Amino acid sequence: MATKIVPKDEMRSFIERVMTKLGVVQSHAKSLADLLVAGDYRGHFSHGLNRLEIYMKDVQEKTCKTDGTPVVLKETAATAWVDGNNLLGPVTGKFCMQLAIEKAKQSGIGWVVSKGCNHFGIAGYYSMMALQHKLLGMAFTNASPLTIATRGKEPFFGTNPISLSAPGNGDDSFVLDMATSVVALGKVELAARKQESIPDNWVIDSNGNSSTDPNKFNALYPLGGEESSSGYKGYGLATLVEIITSVLGGGAVAPNVRNWTQNSSMADLGQCFIAINPECFAPGFQDRMQGLMDNLRSQEPSKPGVNVMVHGDPERAHMEKCDRLGGIEYHINQIKMANEIAVRLNIEPVKTL
């Protein structure tokens, strides 16, 4: 597989160049660059550079604002309802999570729900913001209706991701970041970009049949797949996310969320951000959390030589790999995409090592 190494700072700079060229204010462009590079650095290539063109199209179609601030519509000591003001996803997401953190410090919990939002990248980016304050963090968003509950039905829910971050001792932490579909849509898109096939239990085509061709994608299976393999559980989790995001916050509710590629209309996603102060409960949370993680990691692996990990460990391993390489290792087709963008916008291309 042909790859190229790009230093993190260089990729951030490139994304900022792209977005400011399109008229996005510098601070918002930086927020997006930080988010996308964080996704790639953690190994979630589906939600990093791969997503850049979607954000570009939203700005170019003028369905996403290039400047402004989120607005708090209603709040109490522990809660807030926010209008995302149709800004770039990470601008609103960071605003809401920081607000939840401040409320958790004061009241023990901060629960912030927003409407009028756009795609906010990896959910873990926001839940992890709570870790530096020794708080638990959670983040949820509804998404375009691309997950099915039963074979042959029209797409209904989106990937509707869930994230929970919890601090252990020192720099150790638990970071769950998952879609409520079998796989995130971005992994299907990334396979198409790499011209690779996908497992036969990820997607269905327009005829309701499972397909290994990412270009024949019509809808994602819910987590669990078919009913016989507990797909109704993924369906239930997706519904849970829908309720605490758009139903609670007044955003677009499935199946009325725009399709992923319909950049000519506003997304109006609903999102939810939660921060919890463990000191409000039983003392010694971090020690117990560390004990749980240590116990899980100490289990005998089913495959010799493949250690049992907890959520967040694969990402840490990928970040260490990037640090050793001096940057993020991208598939050559991703670099080709970035260079094509640079030519279209007449900006400096990405510099690779």
Protein backbone atom coordinates (compact mmCIF):
# COMPACT_ATOMS: atom_id res chain seq x y z
CA MET A 1 0.00 0.00 0.00
CA ALA A 2 1.50 3.34 -1.08
CA THR A 3 1.47 5.92 1.70
CA LYS A 4 2.87 9.34 2.54
CA ILE A 5 3.77 10.85 5.91
CA VAL A 6 2.45 14.30 6.74
CA PRO A 7 3.48 16.12 9.96
CA LYS A 8 0.48 17.04 12.09
CA ASP A 9 1.21 20.76 11.99
CA GLU A 10 1.47 20.66 8.20
CA MET A 11 -1.90 18.96 7.83
CA ARG A 12 -3.48 21.45 10.25
CA SER A 13 -2.01 24.30 8.22
CA PHE A 14 -3.31 22.83 4.96
CA ILE A 15 -6.87 22.46 6.27
CA GLU A 16 -6.77 26.01 7.60
CA ARG A 17 -5.59 27.23 4.17
CA VAL A 18 -8.49 25.42 2.51
CA MET A 19 -11.19 26.76 4.80
CA THR A 20 -9.94 30.36 5.00
CA LYS A 21 -9.71 30.40 1.19
CA LEU A 22 -13.44 29.60 1.23
CA GLY A 23 -14.14 32.54 3.53
CA VAL A 24 -14.19 30.83 6.92
CA VAL A 25 -12.80 33.00 9.73
CA GLN A 26 -9.37 31.92 10.98
CA SER A 27 -10.51 30.77 14.44
CA HIS A 28 -13.24 28.56 12.99
CA ALA A 29 -10.89 27.15 10.35
CA LYS A 30 -8.42 26.31 13.12
CA SER A 31 -11.13 24.53 15.14
CA LEU A 32 -11.94 22.36 12.14
CA ALA A 33 -8.28 21.66 11.41
CA ASP A 34 -7.64 20.63 15.02
CA LEU A 35 -10.64 18.29 14.93
CA LEU A 36 -9.82 16.57 11.63
CA VAL A 37 -6.14 16.10 12.44
CA ALA A 38 -7.10 14.69 15.85
CA GLY A 39 -9.26 12.12 14.08
CA ASP A 40 -6.44 11.01 11.79
CA TYR A 41 -3.85 11.09 14.60
CA ARG A 42 -6.04 8.76 16.64
CA GLY A 43 -6.40 6.41 13.67
CA HIS A 44 -9.98 7.34 12.73
CA PHE A 45 -9.16 8.15 9.11
CA SER A 46 -12.84 8.02 8.23
CA HIS A 47 -13.37 11.23 10.22
CA GLY A 48 -10.23 13.22 9.44
CA LEU A 49 -8.94 14.50 6.10
CA ASN A 50 -11.45 12.17 4.46
CA ARG A 51 -14.25 14.44 5.71
CA LEU A 52 -12.78 17.74 4.47
CA GLU A 53 -14.75 17.91 1.22
CA ILE A 54 -18.05 17.58 3.09
CA TYR A 55 -17.26 20.65 5.19
CA MET A 56 -16.10 22.49 2.09
CA LYS A 57 -19.35 21.76 0.27
CA ASP A 58 -21.43 22.98 3.20
CA VAL A 59 -19.57 26.29 3.11
CA GLN A 60 -19.63 26.56 -0.68
CA GLU A 61 -23.37 25.86 -0.79
CA LYS A 62 -23.82 28.47 1.97
CA THR A 63 -25.67 26.00 4.18
CA CYS A 64 -23.05 26.46 6.92
CA LYS A 65 -22.02 29.85 8.31
CA THR A 66 -18.42 30.98 8.12
CA ASP A 67 -18.52 33.24 11.19
CA GLY A 68 -20.57 33.79 14.34
CA THR A 69 -21.09 32.20 17.75
CA PRO A 70 -23.52 29.67 19.25
CA VAL A 71 -26.36 31.14 21.32
CA VAL A 72 -27.58 29.93 24.72
CA LEU A 73 -31.38 29.90 24.50
CA LYS A 74 -32.19 28.64 27.98
CA GLU A 75 -30.17 27.48 30.98
CA THR A 76 -30.17 26.43 34.60
CA ALA A 77 -27.25 25.75 36.94
CA ALA A 78 -26.81 22.28 35.45
CA THR A 79 -28.38 22.47 31.98
CA ALA A 80 -28.38 24.54 28.81
CA TRP A 81 -30.20 24.58 25.50
CA VAL A 82 -28.06 26.00 22.70
CA ASP A 83 -28.66 27.12 19.12
CA GLY A 84 -25.61 26.03 17.15
CA ASN A 85 -26.33 28.89 14.74
CA ASN A 86 -25.49 26.63 11.79
CA LEU A 87 -21.75 27.01 12.38
CA LEU A 88 -19.03 24.46 11.63
CA GLY A 89 -19.51 21.41 13.84
CA PRO A 90 -16.41 21.75 16.03
CA VAL A 91 -17.14 25.42 16.76
CA THR A 92 -20.49 24.56 18.32
CA GLY A 93 -19.29 21.27 19.78
CA LYS A 94 -16.40 22.84 21.68
CA PHE A 95 -18.64 25.67 22.91
CA CYS A 96 -21.23 23.23 24.24
CA MET A 97 -18.76 20.83 25.86
CA GLN A 98 -16.91 23.64 27.58
CA LEU A 99 -20.23 24.93 28.90
CA ALA A 100 -21.08 21.43 30.20
CA ILE A 101 -17.67 21.25 31.93
CA GLU A 102 -18.16 24.60 33.64
CA LYS A 103 -21.59 23.54 34.90
CA ALA A 104 -20.25 20.19 36.14
CA LYS A 105 -17.59 21.98 38.16
CA GLN A 106 -20.25 24.12 39.80
CA SER A 107 -23.20 21.75 40.07
CA GLY A 108 -21.76 18.26 39.72
CA ILE A 109 -23.25 17.73 36.27
CA GLY A 110 -23.53 19.72 33.06
CA TRP A 111 -26.06 18.64 30.44
CA VAL A 112 -26.09 20.71 27.25
CA VAL A 113 -28.33 20.01 24.26
CA SER A 114 -28.05 21.90 20.97
CA LYS A 115 -29.95 22.27 17.72
CA GLY A 116 -28.95 23.92 14.44
CA CYS A 117 -25.69 21.95 14.33
CA ASN A 118 -23.49 20.42 11.64
CA HIS A 119 -21.28 17.33 11.49
CA PHE A 120 -18.87 17.51 14.44
CA GLY A 121 -16.31 14.80 13.60
CA ILE A 122 -15.32 12.14 16.11
CA ALA A 123 -17.54 12.27 19.19
CA GLY A 124 -14.59 11.35 21.38
CA TYR A 125 -12.96 14.69 20.61
CA TYR A 126 -15.56 16.36 22.84
CA SER A 127 -15.93 13.74 25.56
CA MET A 128 -12.14 13.80 26.03
CA MET A 129 -12.25 17.52 26.76
CA ALA A 130 -13.57 16.58 30.21
CA LEU A 131 -10.57 14.38 31.05
CA GLN A 132 -8.17 17.25 31.69
CA HIS A 133 -10.59 18.38 34.41
CA LYS A 134 -10.84 14.84 35.89
CA LEU A 135 -14.49 14.68 34.84
CA LEU A 136 -16.44 12.09 32.89
CA GLY A 137 -17.44 13.35 29.46
CA MET A 138 -20.13 12.21 27.05
CA ALA A 139 -21.06 13.34 23.54
CA PHE A 140 -23.85 12.32 21.16
CA THR A 141 -25.15 13.47 17.79
CA ASN A 142 -27.83 12.37 15.39
CA ALA A 143 -26.81 12.02 11.77
CA SER A 144 -28.10 11.66 8.23
CA PRO A 145 -30.63 8.79 7.87
CA LEU A 146 -28.44 6.00 6.59
CA THR A 147 -29.04 3.11 9.01
CA ILE A 148 -31.83 0.60 8.56
CA ALA A 149 -33.81 -1.22 11.23
CA THR A 150 -34.98 -4.08 9.00
CA ARG A 151 -33.99 -5.39 5.59
CA GLY A 152 -35.75 -3.76 2.65
CA LYS A 153 -36.98 -0.69 4.52
CA GLU A 154 -36.00 2.85 3.66
CA PRO A 155 -33.03 4.33 5.57
CA PHE A 156 -34.15 5.78 8.89
CA PHE A 157 -31.60 6.55 11.58
CA GLY A 158 -28.06 7.76 11.06
CA THR A 159 -24.88 6.41 12.62
CA ASN A 160 -25.89 8.29 15.81
CA PRO A 161 -22.55 7.91 17.65
CA ILE A 162 -21.98 7.61 21.38
CA SER A 163 -18.85 8.59 23.30
CA LEU A 164 -17.88 8.27 26.96
CA SER A 165 -14.51 9.27 28.41
CA ALA A 166 -13.57 8.46 32.00
CA PRO A 167 -10.31 9.33 33.80
CA GLY A 168 -8.09 6.71 35.40
CA ASN A 169 -4.85 7.41 37.24
CA GLY A 170 -2.15 9.54 35.68
CA ASP A 171 -2.72 9.95 31.97
CA ASP A 172 -4.65 6.71 31.60
CA SER A 173 -8.28 6.88 30.55
CA PHE A 174 -11.20 4.98 29.06
CA VAL A 175 -12.45 6.47 25.76
CA LEU A 176 -15.43 4.81 24.10
CA ASP A 177 -16.30 6.33 20.72
CA MET A 178 -18.67 4.25 18.62
CA ALA A 179 -21.39 4.41 16.01
CA THR A 180 -24.73 2.74 16.69
CA SER A 181 -24.53 1.27 13.18
CA VAL A 182 -22.32 -1.71 12.35
CA VAL A 183 -19.67 0.68 11.06
CA ALA A 184 -19.27 4.41 10.59
CA LEU A 185 -20.23 5.68 7.14
CA GLY A 186 -16.79 7.24 6.75
CA LYS A 187 -15.19 3.79 6.68
CA VAL A 188 -17.33 2.90 3.69
CA GLU A 189 -16.34 6.16 2.00
CA LEU A 190 -12.67 5.56 2.81
CA ALA A 191 -12.81 2.06 1.30
CA ALA A 192 -14.28 3.55 -1.88
CA ARG A 193 -11.49 6.15 -1.99
CA LYS A 194 -8.87 3.40 -1.56
CA GLN A 195 -10.68 1.24 -4.14
CA GLU A 196 -11.06 -1.58 -1.62
CA SER A 197 -13.93 -3.97 -0.91
CA ILE A 198 -15.77 -4.03 2.45
CA PRO A 199 -17.09 -6.88 4.65
CA ASP A 200 -20.46 -8.25 3.52
CA ASN A 201 -22.24 -7.29 6.77
CA TRP A 202 -21.68 -3.53 6.63
CA VAL A 203 -24.12 -2.19 4.06
CA ILE A 204 -27.07 -3.00 1.83
CA ASP A 205 -27.58 -1.92 -1.76
CA SER A 206 -30.69 -0.33 -3.26
CA ASN A 207 -32.31 -3.77 -3.54
CA GLY A 208 -31.94 -4.46 0.17
CA ASN A 209 -29.12 -6.98 -0.30
CA SER A 210 -25.81 -7.05 1.51
CA SER A 211 -22.92 -5.81 -0.64
CA THR A 212 -19.11 -5.81 -0.46
CA ASP A 213 -18.88 -2.97 -2.98
CA PRO A 214 -18.69 0.40 -1.17
CA ASN A 215 -19.89 2.13 -4.33
CA LYS A 216 -23.19 0.22 -4.15
CA PHE A 217 -23.88 1.52 -0.65
CA ASN A 218 -27.49 2.50 0.08
CA ALA A 219 -27.76 2.11 3.84
CA LEU A 220 -25.79 0.89 6.85
CA TYR A 221 -26.91 -1.96 9.04
CA PRO A 222 -27.67 -1.04 12.65
CA LEU A 223 -25.24 -2.40 15.26
CA GLY A 224 -25.89 -6.14 15.38
CA GLY A 225 -27.06 -6.36 11.77
CA GLU A 226 -30.18 -8.41 11.15
CA GLU A 227 -32.82 -9.02 13.83
CA SER A 228 -31.54 -12.57 14.31
CA SER A 229 -28.13 -11.22 15.37
CA SER A 230 -29.61 -8.58 17.72
CA GLY A 231 -29.83 -5.68 15.27
CA TYR A 232 -32.78 -4.42 17.32
CA LYS A 233 -30.27 -3.47 20.03
CA GLY A 234 -28.42 -1.16 17.67
CA TYR A 235 -31.79 0.17 16.55
CA GLY A 236 -32.63 0.89 20.19
CA LEU A 237 -29.32 2.63 20.84
CA ALA A 238 -29.79 4.79 17.74
CA THR A 239 -33.25 5.72 19.00
CA LEU A 240 -31.80 6.63 22.42
CA VAL A 241 -29.37 9.03 20.76
CA GLU A 242 -32.12 10.54 18.62
CA ILE A 243 -34.21 11.23 21.74
CA ILE A 244 -31.50 12.95 23.80
CA THR A 245 -30.28 15.02 20.85
CA SER A 246 -32.86 16.28 18.36
CA VAL A 247 -36.07 15.22 20.10
CA LEU A 248 -34.90 16.95 23.30
CA GLY A 249 -33.22 19.88 21.56
CA GLY A 250 -35.58 20.67 18.71
CA GLY A 251 -33.32 19.81 15.79
CA ALA A 252 -34.25 17.77 12.74
CA VAL A 253 -35.54 14.36 13.82
CA ALA A 254 -35.19 11.13 11.79
CA PRO A 255 -36.23 10.48 9.12
CA ASN A 256 -36.36 14.22 8.38
CA VAL A 257 -32.61 14.78 8.69
CA ARG A 258 -31.08 15.69 5.33
CA ASN A 259 -29.19 13.02 3.44
CA TRP A 260 -25.43 13.16 3.79
CA THR A 261 -24.76 14.56 0.33
CA GLN A 262 -27.61 17.10 0.24
CA ASN A 263 -25.39 20.09 0.97
CA SER A 264 -27.93 22.50 -0.48
CA SER A 265 -30.06 22.32 2.69
CA MET A 266 -29.22 22.96 6.34
CA ALA A 267 -28.35 19.91 8.44
CA ASP A 268 -29.96 21.16 11.70
CA LEU A 269 -28.50 18.25 13.66
CA GLY A 270 -29.21 17.78 17.35
CA GLN A 271 -26.32 17.13 19.73
CA CYS A 272 -25.87 16.42 23.43
CA PHE A 273 -22.84 17.04 25.65
CA ILE A 274 -22.56 15.84 29.24
CA ALA A 275 -19.91 16.33 31.91
CA ILE A 276 -20.07 14.60 35.31
CA ASN A 277 -17.99 15.28 38.40
CA PRO A 278 -17.25 11.87 40.00
CA GLU A 279 -16.43 13.59 43.30
CA CYS A 280 -20.20 14.05 43.78
CA PHE A 281 -20.47 10.29 44.25
CA ALA A 282 -18.42 7.58 45.96
CA PRO A 283 -14.84 8.70 46.71
CA GLY A 284 -11.94 7.09 44.86
CA PHE A 285 -13.47 6.97 41.37
CA GLN A 286 -10.16 7.19 39.52
CA ASP A 287 -8.60 4.34 41.53
CA ARG A 288 -11.60 2.11 40.86
CA MET A 289 -11.63 3.10 37.20
CA GLN A 290 -7.94 2.24 36.96
CA GLY A 291 -8.57 -1.07 38.68
CA LEU A 292 -11.28 -1.92 36.16
CA MET A 293 -9.06 -1.09 33.19
CA ASP A 294 -6.08 -2.97 34.64
CA ASN A 295 -8.27 -6.01 35.23
CA LEU A 296 -9.59 -5.97 31.68
CA ARG A 297 -6.11 -5.66 30.22
CA SER A 298 -4.84 -8.53 32.37
CA GLN A 299 -7.31 -11.05 30.94
CA GLU A 300 -5.94 -13.97 28.94
CA PRO A 301 -6.34 -13.14 25.24
CA SER A 302 -8.29 -15.46 22.95
CA LYS A 303 -5.44 -15.19 20.44
CA PRO A 304 -1.91 -15.62 21.83
CA GLY A 305 0.16 -12.48 21.45
CA VAL A 306 -2.85 -10.20 20.95
CA ASN A 307 -3.34 -8.35 24.21
CA VAL A 308 -6.77 -7.49 25.58
CA MET A 309 -7.28 -3.74 25.32
CA VAL A 310 -9.77 -1.22 26.66
CA HIS A 311 -11.39 1.54 24.66
CA GLY A 312 -8.80 4.18 23.90
CA ASP A 313 -5.83 1.77 23.79
CA PRO A 314 -5.83 1.29 19.97
CA GLU A 315 -5.89 5.07 19.54
CA ARG A 316 -2.97 5.51 21.93
CA ALA A 317 -0.99 2.90 20.00
CA HIS A 318 -1.71 4.71 16.73
CA MET A 319 -0.64 8.07 18.17
CA GLU A 320 2.63 6.51 19.35
CA LYS A 321 3.16 5.16 15.84
CA CYS A 322 2.59 8.62 14.35
CA ASP A 323 5.05 10.12 16.80
CA ARG A 324 7.70 7.58 15.78
CA LEU A 325 7.10 8.30 12.09
CA GLY A 326 7.17 12.06 12.57
CA GLY A 327 3.64 12.49 11.26
CA ILE A 328 0.44 10.80 10.14
CA GLU A 329 0.65 8.05 7.51
CA TYR A 330 -1.96 8.68 4.80
CA HIS A 331 -3.01 6.44 1.92
CA ILE A 332 -1.71 7.89 -1.34
CA ASN A 333 -5.27 8.42 -2.61
CA GLN A 334 -5.97 10.73 0.33
CA ILE A 335 -2.92 12.82 -0.54
CA LYS A 336 -4.06 12.85 -4.15
CA MET A 337 -7.44 14.20 -3.01
CA ALA A 338 -5.74 16.90 -0.93
CA ASN A 339 -3.56 17.93 -3.87
CA GLU A 340 -6.60 18.15 -6.16
CA ILE A 341 -8.25 20.46 -3.63
CA ALA A 342 -5.12 22.62 -3.54
CA VAL A 343 -5.16 22.95 -7.34
CA ARG A 344 -8.86 23.85 -7.42
CA LEU A 345 -8.43 26.53 -4.77
CA ASN A 346 -5.01 27.71 -5.97
CA ILE A 347 -3.41 27.24 -2.55
CA GLU A 348 -0.16 25.65 -1.40
CA PRO A 349 -0.45 21.83 -1.42
CA VAL A 350 0.33 19.48 1.45
CA LYS A 351 4.01 18.93 2.12
CA THR A 352 4.91 15.29 2.76
CA LEU A 353 8.04 13.82 4.30
